[in-house]
Amino acid sequence: MGGKSRSHKKGPPPEKRSAPRKFSLKKIPWELVKIYIFFGVTVFFLFFALRYVPFCAKAVQGFTAFIAFFSSKVLNLFGTATSVSGTHLSSKDFGMNIVDGCNGVFATAILLAGIIAYPSKIRDKAVGISIGIPAIFIINQLRVVSLFYLGRSHPTVFEEVHVYVWQPVIIIFAILVWDFWARNFVQKGEVRQASVPD
């Protein structure tokens, strides 16, 4: 008695599930972590010193007064008669007080912390500092002068531009200055790689 043979079609082989990767301390980029920690500690130390250490706080106040004085000279050069009293910059129709947030000191502190924390030679760090401090001073002077003109012509938007435009611009500029220094002035081959492993 004959029977019909049934052919069994083989389906596609089951997909092999890759085993989940196990967490390993060896895969943590410790060199990168150390740089981040060093940067954070340095930023905290600089911020604390600039605000609470009497000598540093007094130096910051004197520097802020110099910014007001220098800004007045620039404005006078462009035909806007201004006067200075300490950190207060004024003309006959507008005045503003330059405080800690307007002097570029804390943006400079962030830049210095990045330069100090980045693994490079002392000579390279000195180059970064000598480039970074004048660069932030110049961009900050542009901020003060432009805000003075804005306050005279459009006082209703002065505070918004001061807080929401210029504050981020100064921080981003400090980061760009750091990046420019790290790419062009740190000698190649002397920086230990700190990359995330595959």
C-alpha atoms as a PDB file:
ATOM      1  CA  MET A   1       0.000   0.000   0.000  1.00  0.00           C
ATOM      2  CA  GLY A   2       1.702   3.106  -1.185  1.00  0.00           C
ATOM      3  CA  GLY A   3       1.672   6.413   0.703  1.00  0.00           C
ATOM      4  CA  LYS A   4       2.547   9.953  -0.390  1.00  0.00           C
ATOM      5  CA  SER A   5       5.778  11.261   1.023  1.00  0.00           C
ATOM      6  CA  ARG A   6       5.536  14.646   2.595  1.00  0.00           C
ATOM      7  CA  SER A   7       8.363  17.018   1.902  1.00  0.00           C
ATOM      8  CA  HIS A   8       9.275  19.244   4.775  1.00  0.00           C
ATOM      9  CA  LYS A   9      10.467  22.625   3.628  1.00  0.00           C
ATOM     10  CA  LYS A  10      13.230  24.004   5.704  1.00  0.00           C
ATOM     11  CA  GLY A  11      12.644  27.538   6.838  1.00  0.00           C
ATOM     12  CA  PRO A  12      15.354  30.133   7.298  1.00  0.00           C
ATOM     13  CA  PRO A  13      17.687  29.371  10.160  1.00  0.00           C
ATOM     14  CA  PRO A  14      16.741  31.132  13.349  1.00  0.00           C
ATOM     15  CA  GLU A  15      18.615  34.334  13.904  1.00  0.00           C
ATOM     16  CA  LYS A  16      21.303  34.101  16.455  1.00  0.00           C
ATOM     17  CA  ARG A  17      20.847  36.598  19.163  1.00  0.00           C
ATOM     18  CA  SER A  18      23.988  38.356  20.093  1.00  0.00           C
ATOM     19  CA  ALA A  19      24.741  38.089  23.726  1.00  0.00           C
ATOM     20  CA  PRO A  20      24.337  41.390  25.569  1.00  0.00           C
ATOM     21  CA  ARG A  21      27.577  43.129  26.207  1.00  0.00           C
ATOM     22  CA  LYS A  22      28.729  42.917  29.742  1.00  0.00           C
ATOM     23  CA  PHE A  23      29.717  46.072  31.510  1.00  0.00           C
ATOM     24  CA  SER A  24      33.441  46.238  31.961  1.00  0.00           C
ATOM     25  CA  LEU A  25      35.460  48.808  33.843  1.00  0.00           C
ATOM     26  CA  LYS A  26      38.245  48.234  31.343  1.00  0.00           C
ATOM     27  CA  LYS A  27      36.128  49.820  28.589  1.00  0.00           C
ATOM     28  CA  ILE A  28      35.650  53.088  30.448  1.00  0.00           C
ATOM     29  CA  PRO A  29      37.860  55.791  28.879  1.00  0.00           C
ATOM     30  CA  TRP A  30      39.618  56.638  32.112  1.00  0.00           C
ATOM     31  CA  GLU A  31      41.966  59.146  30.498  1.00  0.00           C
ATOM     32  CA  LEU A  32      38.956  61.088  29.243  1.00  0.00           C
ATOM     33  CA  VAL A  33      37.204  60.810  32.601  1.00  0.00           C
ATOM     34  CA  LYS A  34      40.268  62.177  34.391  1.00  0.00           C
ATOM     35  CA  ILE A  35      40.398  65.157  32.018  1.00  0.00           C
ATOM     36  CA  TYR A  36      36.710  65.927  32.663  1.00  0.00           C
ATOM     37  CA  ILE A  37      37.132  65.650  36.422  1.00  0.00           C
ATOM     38  CA  PHE A  38      40.241  67.823  36.384  1.00  0.00           C
ATOM     39  CA  PHE A  39      38.408  70.387  34.263  1.00  0.00           C
ATOM     40  CA  GLY A  40      35.409  70.454  36.617  1.00  0.00           C
ATOM     41  CA  VAL A  41      37.576  70.808  39.725  1.00  0.00           C
ATOM     42  CA  THR A  42      39.600  73.595  38.099  1.00  0.00           C
ATOM     43  CA  VAL A  43      36.463  75.501  37.042  1.00  0.00           C
ATOM     44  CA  PHE A  44      35.047  75.213  40.565  1.00  0.00           C
ATOM     45  CA  PHE A  45      38.317  76.386  42.118  1.00  0.00           C
ATOM     46  CA  LEU A  46      38.637  79.375  39.773  1.00  0.00           C
ATOM     47  CA  PHE A  47      35.002  80.421  40.223  1.00  0.00           C
ATOM     48  CA  PHE A  48      35.323  80.146  44.007  1.00  0.00           C
ATOM     49  CA  ALA A  49      38.584  82.104  44.071  1.00  0.00           C
ATOM     50  CA  LEU A  50      37.314  84.868  41.797  1.00  0.00           C
ATOM     51  CA  ARG A  51      34.196  85.399  43.885  1.00  0.00           C
ATOM     52  CA  TYR A  52      35.181  84.657  47.475  1.00  0.00           C
ATOM     53  CA  VAL A  53      38.940  85.024  47.882  1.00  0.00           C
ATOM     54  CA  PRO A  54      39.411  88.690  48.949  1.00  0.00           C
ATOM     55  CA  PHE A  55      42.502  89.367  46.851  1.00  0.00           C
ATOM     56  CA  CYS A  56      41.002  87.807  43.704  1.00  0.00           C
ATOM     57  CA  ALA A  57      37.618  89.469  44.209  1.00  0.00           C
ATOM     58  CA  LYS A  58      39.308  92.852  44.585  1.00  0.00           C
ATOM     59  CA  ALA A  59      41.358  92.226  41.444  1.00  0.00           C
ATOM     60  CA  VAL A  60      38.180  91.329  39.538  1.00  0.00           C
ATOM     61  CA  GLN A  61      36.530  94.545  40.711  1.00  0.00           C
ATOM     62  CA  GLY A  62      39.524  96.572  39.548  1.00  0.00           C
ATOM     63  CA  PHE A  63      39.516  94.767  36.203  1.00  0.00           C
ATOM     64  CA  THR A  64      35.800  95.466  35.782  1.00  0.00           C
ATOM     65  CA  ALA A  65      36.421  99.148  36.434  1.00  0.00           C
ATOM     66  CA  PHE A  66      39.132  99.063  33.769  1.00  0.00           C
ATOM     67  CA  ILE A  67      36.628  97.562  31.307  1.00  0.00           C
ATOM     68  CA  ALA A  68      34.248 100.444  32.000  1.00  0.00           C
ATOM     69  CA  PHE A  69      37.103 102.924  31.506  1.00  0.00           C
ATOM     70  CA  PHE A  70      38.274 101.269  28.291  1.00  0.00           C
ATOM     71  CA  SER A  71      34.717 101.060  26.933  1.00  0.00           C
ATOM     72  CA  SER A  72      34.233 104.739  27.626  1.00  0.00           C
ATOM     73  CA  LYS A  73      37.354 105.554  25.608  1.00  0.00           C
ATOM     74  CA  VAL A  74      36.093 103.449  22.699  1.00  0.00           C
ATOM     75  CA  LEU A  75      32.645 105.064  22.799  1.00  0.00           C
ATOM     76  CA  ASN A  76      34.173 108.535  23.000  1.00  0.00           C
ATOM     77  CA  LEU A  77      36.355 107.691  20.016  1.00  0.00           C
ATOM     78  CA  PHE A  78      33.207 106.974  17.991  1.00  0.00           C
ATOM     79  CA  GLY A  79      31.556 110.224  19.016  1.00  0.00           C
ATOM     80  CA  THR A  80      29.465 109.114  22.017  1.00  0.00           C
ATOM     81  CA  ALA A  81      30.337 111.267  25.015  1.00  0.00           C
ATOM     82  CA  THR A  82      30.499 109.063  28.101  1.00  0.00           C
ATOM     83  CA  SER A  83      31.803 109.225  31.639  1.00  0.00           C
ATOM     84  CA  VAL A  84      32.891 106.568  34.102  1.00  0.00           C
ATOM     85  CA  SER A  85      32.436 106.218  37.846  1.00  0.00           C
ATOM     86  CA  GLY A  86      33.929 102.952  39.064  1.00  0.00           C
ATOM     87  CA  THR A  87      32.129 100.263  37.086  1.00  0.00           C
ATOM     88  CA  HIS A  88      29.290 102.562  35.993  1.00  0.00           C
ATOM     89  CA  LEU A  89      29.389 103.745  32.385  1.00  0.00           C
ATOM     90  CA  SER A  90      27.007 106.517  31.401  1.00  0.00           C
ATOM     91  CA  SER A  91      26.142 109.173  28.848  1.00  0.00           C
ATOM     92  CA  LYS A  92      23.612 111.992  29.035  1.00  0.00           C
ATOM     93  CA  ASP A  93      20.745 109.674  28.008  1.00  0.00           C
ATOM     94  CA  PHE A  94      21.781 106.177  29.159  1.00  0.00           C
ATOM     95  CA  GLY A  95      23.841 104.424  31.777  1.00  0.00           C
ATOM     96  CA  MET A  96      24.743 100.874  32.720  1.00  0.00           C
ATOM     97  CA  ASN A  97      26.678  99.178  35.458  1.00  0.00           C
ATOM     98  CA  ILE A  98      29.227  96.544  34.424  1.00  0.00           C
ATOM     99  CA  VAL A  99      29.048  93.641  36.868  1.00  0.00           C
ATOM    100  CA  ASP A 100      30.659  90.197  37.107  1.00  0.00           C
ATOM    101  CA  GLY A 101      28.510  88.732  34.356  1.00  0.00           C
ATOM    102  CA  CYS A 102      29.595  91.471  31.942  1.00  0.00           C
ATOM    103  CA  ASN A 103      33.351  91.476  32.440  1.00  0.00           C
ATOM    104  CA  GLY A 104      34.191  88.186  30.690  1.00  0.00           C
ATOM    105  CA  VAL A 105      36.047  86.906  33.754  1.00  0.00           C
ATOM    106  CA  PHE A 106      34.047  83.717  34.170  1.00  0.00           C
ATOM    107  CA  ALA A 107      34.247  82.875  30.465  1.00  0.00           C
ATOM    108  CA  THR A 108      37.997  83.376  30.787  1.00  0.00           C
ATOM    109  CA  ALA A 109      38.004  81.038  33.796  1.00  0.00           C
ATOM    110  CA  ILE A 110      36.266  78.333  31.732  1.00  0.00           C
ATOM    111  CA  LEU A 111      38.845  78.749  28.973  1.00  0.00           C
ATOM    112  CA  LEU A 112      41.754  78.629  31.433  1.00  0.00           C
ATOM    113  CA  ALA A 113      40.326  75.512  33.081  1.00  0.00           C
ATOM    114  CA  GLY A 114      40.107  73.818  29.687  1.00  0.00           C
ATOM    115  CA  ILE A 115      43.700  74.744  28.860  1.00  0.00           C
ATOM    116  CA  ILE A 116      44.984  73.615  32.261  1.00  0.00           C
ATOM    117  CA  ALA A 117      43.087  70.326  32.172  1.00  0.00           C
ATOM    118  CA  TYR A 118      44.055  69.417  28.615  1.00  0.00           C
ATOM    119  CA  PRO A 119      47.135  67.149  28.534  1.00  0.00           C
ATOM    120  CA  SER A 120      49.842  69.295  26.964  1.00  0.00           C
ATOM    121  CA  LYS A 121      53.176  70.860  27.757  1.00  0.00           C
ATOM    122  CA  ILE A 122      53.542  73.945  29.930  1.00  0.00           C
ATOM    123  CA  ARG A 123      54.829  75.838  26.894  1.00  0.00           C
ATOM    124  CA  ASP A 124      51.680  74.974  24.944  1.00  0.00           C
ATOM    125  CA  LYS A 125      49.461  76.010  27.860  1.00  0.00           C
ATOM    126  CA  ALA A 126      51.283  79.345  28.074  1.00  0.00           C
ATOM    127  CA  VAL A 127      50.579  79.939  24.381  1.00  0.00           C
ATOM    128  CA  GLY A 128      46.897  79.127  24.918  1.00  0.00           C
ATOM    129  CA  ILE A 129      46.624  81.521  27.838  1.00  0.00           C
ATOM    130  CA  SER A 130      48.425  84.309  25.968  1.00  0.00           C
ATOM    131  CA  ILE A 131      45.996  83.882  23.050  1.00  0.00           C
ATOM    132  CA  GLY A 132      42.821  83.235  25.028  1.00  0.00           C
ATOM    133  CA  ILE A 133      42.821  86.089  27.533  1.00  0.00           C
ATOM    134  CA  PRO A 134      43.217  88.904  24.918  1.00  0.00           C
ATOM    135  CA  ALA A 135      40.695  87.207  22.615  1.00  0.00           C
ATOM    136  CA  ILE A 136      37.993  87.092  25.285  1.00  0.00           C
ATOM    137  CA  PHE A 137      38.819  90.649  26.356  1.00  0.00           C
ATOM    138  CA  ILE A 138      38.273  91.871  22.783  1.00  0.00           C
ATOM    139  CA  ILE A 139      34.973  90.015  22.277  1.00  0.00           C
ATOM    140  CA  ASN A 140      33.788  91.203  25.671  1.00  0.00           C
ATOM    141  CA  GLN A 141      34.577  94.807  24.776  1.00  0.00           C
ATOM    142  CA  LEU A 142      32.491  94.339  21.649  1.00  0.00           C
ATOM    143  CA  ARG A 143      29.691  93.099  23.887  1.00  0.00           C
ATOM    144  CA  VAL A 144      29.862  96.060  26.272  1.00  0.00           C
ATOM    145  CA  VAL A 145      30.001  98.661  23.498  1.00  0.00           C
ATOM    146  CA  SER A 146      27.214  97.053  21.454  1.00  0.00           C
ATOM    147  CA  LEU A 147      24.996  96.717  24.538  1.00  0.00           C
ATOM    148  CA  PHE A 148      25.553 100.381  25.359  1.00  0.00           C
ATOM    149  CA  TYR A 149      24.410 101.421  21.895  1.00  0.00           C
ATOM    150  CA  LEU A 150      21.482  98.993  22.124  1.00  0.00           C
ATOM    151  CA  GLY A 151      20.466 100.366  25.510  1.00  0.00           C
ATOM    152  CA  ARG A 152      20.382 103.882  24.118  1.00  0.00           C
ATOM    153  CA  SER A 153      18.362 103.006  21.017  1.00  0.00           C
ATOM    154  CA  HIS A 154      16.226 100.017  22.114  1.00  0.00           C
ATOM    155  CA  PRO A 155      16.139  99.854  25.920  1.00  0.00           C
ATOM    156  CA  THR A 156      13.178  97.440  25.953  1.00  0.00           C
ATOM    157  CA  VAL A 157      15.250  94.582  24.511  1.00  0.00           C
ATOM    158  CA  PHE A 158      18.485  95.420  26.309  1.00  0.00           C
ATOM    159  CA  GLU A 159      18.092  92.827  29.065  1.00  0.00           C
ATOM    160  CA  GLU A 160      17.006  90.022  26.724  1.00  0.00           C
ATOM    161  CA  VAL A 161      19.965  90.544  24.390  1.00  0.00           C
ATOM    162  CA  HIS A 162      22.331  90.850  27.335  1.00  0.00           C
ATOM    163  CA  VAL A 163      21.202  87.591  28.976  1.00  0.00           C
ATOM    164  CA  TYR A 164      19.982  85.377  26.140  1.00  0.00           C
ATOM    165  CA  VAL A 165      22.259  86.428  23.281  1.00  0.00           C
ATOM    166  CA  TRP A 166      25.573  87.743  24.539  1.00  0.00           C
ATOM    167  CA  GLN A 167      25.993  85.424  27.518  1.00  0.00           C
ATOM    168  CA  PRO A 168      25.872  82.230  25.374  1.00  0.00           C
ATOM    169  CA  VAL A 169      27.960  83.897  22.653  1.00  0.00           C
ATOM    170  CA  ILE A 170      30.787  84.610  25.103  1.00  0.00           C
ATOM    171  CA  ILE A 171      30.782  81.027  26.440  1.00  0.00           C
ATOM    172  CA  ILE A 172      30.695  79.535  22.925  1.00  0.00           C
ATOM    173  CA  PHE A 173      33.484  81.886  21.874  1.00  0.00           C
ATOM    174  CA  ALA A 174      35.627  80.683  24.798  1.00  0.00           C
ATOM    175  CA  ILE A 175      35.059  77.077  23.688  1.00  0.00           C
ATOM    176  CA  LEU A 176      35.996  77.959  20.095  1.00  0.00           C
ATOM    177  CA  VAL A 177      39.181  79.673  21.261  1.00  0.00           C
ATOM    178  CA  TRP A 178      40.079  76.560  23.248  1.00  0.00           C
ATOM    179  CA  ASP A 179      39.391  74.360  20.225  1.00  0.00           C
ATOM    180  CA  PHE A 180      41.526  76.610  18.002  1.00  0.00           C
ATOM    181  CA  TRP A 181      44.384  76.395  20.495  1.00  0.00           C
ATOM    182  CA  ALA A 182      44.124  72.624  20.938  1.00  0.00           C
ATOM    183  CA  ARG A 183      44.102  72.002  17.168  1.00  0.00           C
ATOM    184  CA  ASN A 184      46.859  74.397  16.168  1.00  0.00           C
ATOM    185  CA  PHE A 185      49.198  74.985  19.079  1.00  0.00           C
ATOM    186  CA  VAL A 186      49.384  71.711  21.010  1.00  0.00           C
ATOM    187  CA  GLN A 187      52.227  69.680  19.563  1.00  0.00           C
ATOM    188  CA  LYS A 188      51.015  66.532  17.860  1.00  0.00           C
ATOM    189  CA  GLY A 189      52.065  63.220  19.310  1.00  0.00           C
ATOM    190  CA  GLU A 190      52.434  64.562  22.822  1.00  0.00           C
ATOM    191  CA  VAL A 191      48.778  64.268  23.771  1.00  0.00           C
ATOM    192  CA  ARG A 192      47.706  60.877  25.000  1.00  0.00           C
ATOM    193  CA  GLN A 193      44.612  59.658  23.193  1.00  0.00           C
ATOM    194  CA  ALA A 194      41.478  59.629  25.308  1.00  0.00           C
ATOM    195  CA  SER A 195      38.845  58.130  23.035  1.00  0.00           C
ATOM    196  CA  VAL A 196      35.798  56.031  23.760  1.00  0.00           C
ATOM    197  CA  PRO A 197      36.513  52.356  22.931  1.00  0.00           C
ATOM    198  CA  ASP A 198      34.397  50.480  20.375  1.00  0.00           C
END
